[in-house]
C-alpha atoms as a PDB file:
ATOM      1  CA  MET A   1       0.000   0.000   0.000  1.00  0.00           C
ATOM      2  CA  ALA A   2       1.287   3.461  -0.876  1.00  0.00           C
ATOM      3  CA  ILE A   3       0.546   6.678   0.992  1.00  0.00           C
ATOM      4  CA  LYS A   4       0.091   9.927  -0.925  1.00  0.00           C
ATOM      5  CA  ALA A   5       1.741  13.110   0.356  1.00  0.00           C
ATOM      6  CA  SER A   6      -1.693  14.392   1.390  1.00  0.00           C
ATOM      7  CA  GLY A   7      -2.085  11.398   3.736  1.00  0.00           C
ATOM      8  CA  GLN A   8      -4.669   9.591   1.618  1.00  0.00           C
ATOM      9  CA  ARG A   9      -4.282   5.857   1.090  1.00  0.00           C
ATOM     10  CA  GLN A  10      -3.562   4.700  -2.463  1.00  0.00           C
ATOM     11  CA  ASP A  11      -4.328   1.036  -3.141  1.00  0.00           C
ATOM     12  CA  GLU A  12      -2.115  -0.989  -5.428  1.00  0.00           C
ATOM     13  CA  VAL A  13      -3.787  -2.279  -8.563  1.00  0.00           C
ATOM     14  CA  MET A  14      -2.595  -3.730 -11.859  1.00  0.00           C
ATOM     15  CA  ARG A  15      -4.619  -2.203 -14.702  1.00  0.00           C
ATOM     16  CA  VAL A  16      -4.679  -4.034 -18.031  1.00  0.00           C
ATOM     17  CA  PHE A  17      -5.468  -2.889 -21.569  1.00  0.00           C
ATOM     18  CA  VAL A  18      -6.529  -5.726 -23.880  1.00  0.00           C
ATOM     19  CA  ARG A  19      -7.033  -5.530 -27.647  1.00  0.00           C
ATOM     20  CA  GLY A  20      -7.694  -8.755 -29.510  1.00  0.00           C
ATOM     21  CA  ARG A  21     -10.196 -10.952 -31.293  1.00  0.00           C
ATOM     22  CA  LEU A  22     -12.809 -13.057 -29.561  1.00  0.00           C
ATOM     23  CA  ALA A  23     -11.809 -16.717 -29.785  1.00  0.00           C
ATOM     24  CA  ARG A  24     -15.417 -17.840 -29.366  1.00  0.00           C
ATOM     25  CA  ARG A  25     -18.875 -16.476 -28.678  1.00  0.00           C
ATOM     26  CA  PRO A  26     -19.311 -14.766 -25.293  1.00  0.00           C
ATOM     27  CA  GLU A  27     -20.459 -17.044 -22.457  1.00  0.00           C
ATOM     28  CA  PHE A  28     -23.418 -15.517 -20.604  1.00  0.00           C
ATOM     29  CA  ALA A  29     -24.899 -16.635 -17.276  1.00  0.00           C
ATOM     30  CA  GLN A  30     -26.634 -15.292 -14.192  1.00  0.00           C
ATOM     31  CA  THR A  31     -25.544 -15.765 -10.602  1.00  0.00           C
ATOM     32  CA  THR A  32     -27.930 -17.174  -8.007  1.00  0.00           C
ATOM     33  CA  GLU A  33     -28.519 -13.535  -6.953  1.00  0.00           C
ATOM     34  CA  GLY A  34     -29.647 -12.706 -10.514  1.00  0.00           C
ATOM     35  CA  VAL A  35     -26.557 -10.697 -11.519  1.00  0.00           C
ATOM     36  CA  ALA A  36     -25.650 -11.014 -15.205  1.00  0.00           C
ATOM     37  CA  VAL A  37     -22.097 -12.197 -15.884  1.00  0.00           C
ATOM     38  CA  CYS A  38     -20.234 -12.747 -19.136  1.00  0.00           C
ATOM     39  CA  ARG A  39     -16.860 -14.221 -20.047  1.00  0.00           C
ATOM     40  CA  LEU A  40     -14.986 -13.242 -23.190  1.00  0.00           C
ATOM     41  CA  LEU A  41     -11.997 -15.281 -24.380  1.00  0.00           C
ATOM     42  CA  VAL A  42      -9.642 -12.931 -26.235  1.00  0.00           C
ATOM     43  CA  LEU A  43      -6.712 -13.971 -28.437  1.00  0.00           C
ATOM     44  CA  GLY A  44      -3.698 -11.793 -29.116  1.00  0.00           C
ATOM     45  CA  ARG A  45      -1.260 -12.025 -31.990  1.00  0.00           C
ATOM     46  CA  ALA A  46       1.353 -14.773 -31.770  1.00  0.00           C
ATOM     47  CA  ALA A  47       4.933 -13.548 -31.346  1.00  0.00           C
ATOM     48  CA  GLY A  48       6.167 -15.768 -34.167  1.00  0.00           C
ATOM     49  CA  PRO A  49       5.367 -18.800 -36.331  1.00  0.00           C
ATOM     50  CA  ALA A  50       6.387 -21.297 -33.629  1.00  0.00           C
ATOM     51  CA  SER A  51       4.504 -19.679 -30.744  1.00  0.00           C
ATOM     52  CA  SER A  52       0.929 -19.826 -29.543  1.00  0.00           C
ATOM     53  CA  PRO A  53      -1.100 -16.619 -29.340  1.00  0.00           C
ATOM     54  CA  PRO A  54      -1.629 -15.204 -25.848  1.00  0.00           C
ATOM     55  CA  ARG A  55      -5.105 -15.781 -24.385  1.00  0.00           C
ATOM     56  CA  VAL A  56      -6.913 -13.934 -21.625  1.00  0.00           C
ATOM     57  CA  SER A  57     -10.396 -14.235 -20.128  1.00  0.00           C
ATOM     58  CA  LEU A  58     -12.340 -10.999 -19.602  1.00  0.00           C
ATOM     59  CA  TYR A  59     -15.118 -11.044 -17.006  1.00  0.00           C
ATOM     60  CA  LEU A  60     -18.002  -8.555 -17.060  1.00  0.00           C
ATOM     61  CA  ARG A  61     -20.975  -7.989 -14.751  1.00  0.00           C
ATOM     62  CA  GLY A  62     -24.397  -6.372 -14.905  1.00  0.00           C
ATOM     63  CA  ASP A  63     -25.599  -4.352 -17.901  1.00  0.00           C
ATOM     64  CA  GLU A  64     -22.173  -4.495 -19.570  1.00  0.00           C
ATOM     65  CA  ALA A  65     -22.308  -8.309 -19.423  1.00  0.00           C
ATOM     66  CA  ARG A  66     -25.702  -8.347 -21.173  1.00  0.00           C
ATOM     67  CA  ARG A  67     -24.585  -5.850 -23.815  1.00  0.00           C
ATOM     68  CA  CYS A  68     -21.454  -7.834 -24.657  1.00  0.00           C
ATOM     69  CA  ALA A  69     -23.068 -11.263 -24.546  1.00  0.00           C
ATOM     70  CA  PHE A  70     -25.724 -10.340 -27.075  1.00  0.00           C
ATOM     71  CA  GLY A  71     -23.803  -7.776 -29.135  1.00  0.00           C
ATOM     72  CA  LEU A  72     -20.459  -9.469 -29.785  1.00  0.00           C
ATOM     73  CA  GLY A  73     -19.498 -12.557 -31.751  1.00  0.00           C
ATOM     74  CA  GLN A  74     -16.565 -14.820 -32.491  1.00  0.00           C
ATOM     75  CA  GLY A  75     -13.806 -13.048 -34.415  1.00  0.00           C
ATOM     76  CA  ASP A  76     -14.831  -9.505 -33.400  1.00  0.00           C
ATOM     77  CA  LEU A  77     -11.920  -7.193 -32.552  1.00  0.00           C
ATOM     78  CA  ILE A  78     -12.494  -5.599 -29.142  1.00  0.00           C
ATOM     79  CA  GLU A  79     -10.772  -3.416 -26.558  1.00  0.00           C
ATOM     80  CA  GLY A  80     -11.233  -3.790 -22.837  1.00  0.00           C
ATOM     81  CA  ILE A  81      -9.720  -2.206 -19.735  1.00  0.00           C
ATOM     82  CA  GLY A  82      -9.801  -3.755 -16.310  1.00  0.00           C
ATOM     83  CA  ASP A  83      -7.993  -5.031 -13.262  1.00  0.00           C
ATOM     84  CA  LEU A  84      -5.772  -8.069 -13.421  1.00  0.00           C
ATOM     85  CA  GLY A  85      -7.539 -10.803 -11.479  1.00  0.00           C
ATOM     86  CA  PRO A  86      -5.922 -12.973  -8.839  1.00  0.00           C
ATOM     87  CA  GLU A  87      -3.861 -15.942  -9.995  1.00  0.00           C
ATOM     88  CA  ARG A  88      -5.929 -19.060  -9.459  1.00  0.00           C
ATOM     89  CA  ARG A  89      -4.351 -22.472  -9.662  1.00  0.00           C
ATOM     90  CA  LYS A  90      -7.331 -23.970 -11.519  1.00  0.00           C
ATOM     91  CA  ALA A  91      -7.743 -21.081 -13.972  1.00  0.00           C
ATOM     92  CA  PRO A  92      -6.711 -22.104 -17.511  1.00  0.00           C
ATOM     93  CA  ARG A  93      -5.411 -18.596 -18.297  1.00  0.00           C
ATOM     94  CA  GLN A  94      -5.006 -15.127 -16.829  1.00  0.00           C
ATOM     95  CA  GLU A  95      -8.257 -13.365 -15.926  1.00  0.00           C
ATOM     96  CA  VAL A  96      -9.151  -9.673 -16.200  1.00  0.00           C
ATOM     97  CA  LEU A  97     -12.086  -8.111 -14.328  1.00  0.00           C
ATOM     98  CA  VAL A  98     -13.374  -5.463 -16.761  1.00  0.00           C
ATOM     99  CA  THR A  99     -14.049  -2.066 -15.177  1.00  0.00           C
ATOM    100  CA  GLU A 100     -14.798   0.098 -18.253  1.00  0.00           C
ATOM    101  CA  PRO A 101     -17.175  -0.469 -21.184  1.00  0.00           C
ATOM    102  CA  VAL A 102     -15.798  -2.858 -23.820  1.00  0.00           C
ATOM    103  CA  LYS A 103     -15.354  -1.230 -27.228  1.00  0.00           C
ATOM    104  CA  LEU A 104     -16.060  -3.041 -30.483  1.00  0.00           C
ATOM    105  CA  ARG A 105     -13.317  -2.077 -32.957  1.00  0.00           C
ATOM    106  CA  GLU A 106     -14.109  -4.306 -35.920  1.00  0.00           C
ATOM    107  CA  ARG A 107     -16.861  -6.800 -36.721  1.00  0.00           C
ATOM    108  CA  ALA A 108     -15.701 -10.223 -37.893  1.00  0.00           C
ATOM    109  CA  ALA A 109     -16.208 -10.947 -41.586  1.00  0.00           C
ATOM    110  CA  ALA A 110     -19.270 -13.119 -42.101  1.00  0.00           C
END
C-alpha cells in the first residue's frame, strides 16, 4: 500500500489494456442472486510462427455483461480495460475483471 503526500491511502492495482479478437462467442450466465455475468476469451497475436497466441479471459458484470453477450461474436476485434484478477491455480489462463465499457473495434467478416 502506498501513501500519498496528502495522507490519503492509495491502493495498489494492476490495470490491463486488452485488444484482440474473440476466440469464441461470449459465455453468458446469471448468478444465483440474478446478476448477469459474461466471459470473453480474447486472443492476441502470436509472437512468431512457432509460438501460440496469448489468451486472456475478460469477465463482465451487470448491464455491460448483457450488452457484450448479445452484441459481440466470435472473431470480433475488441478493446477492454480492467484489473488483473488474482492468480488461481485452476484457472486455464489469466483473468481480467473489466471495469470500463468494452469497445467493439471491428466486426468479424461473415
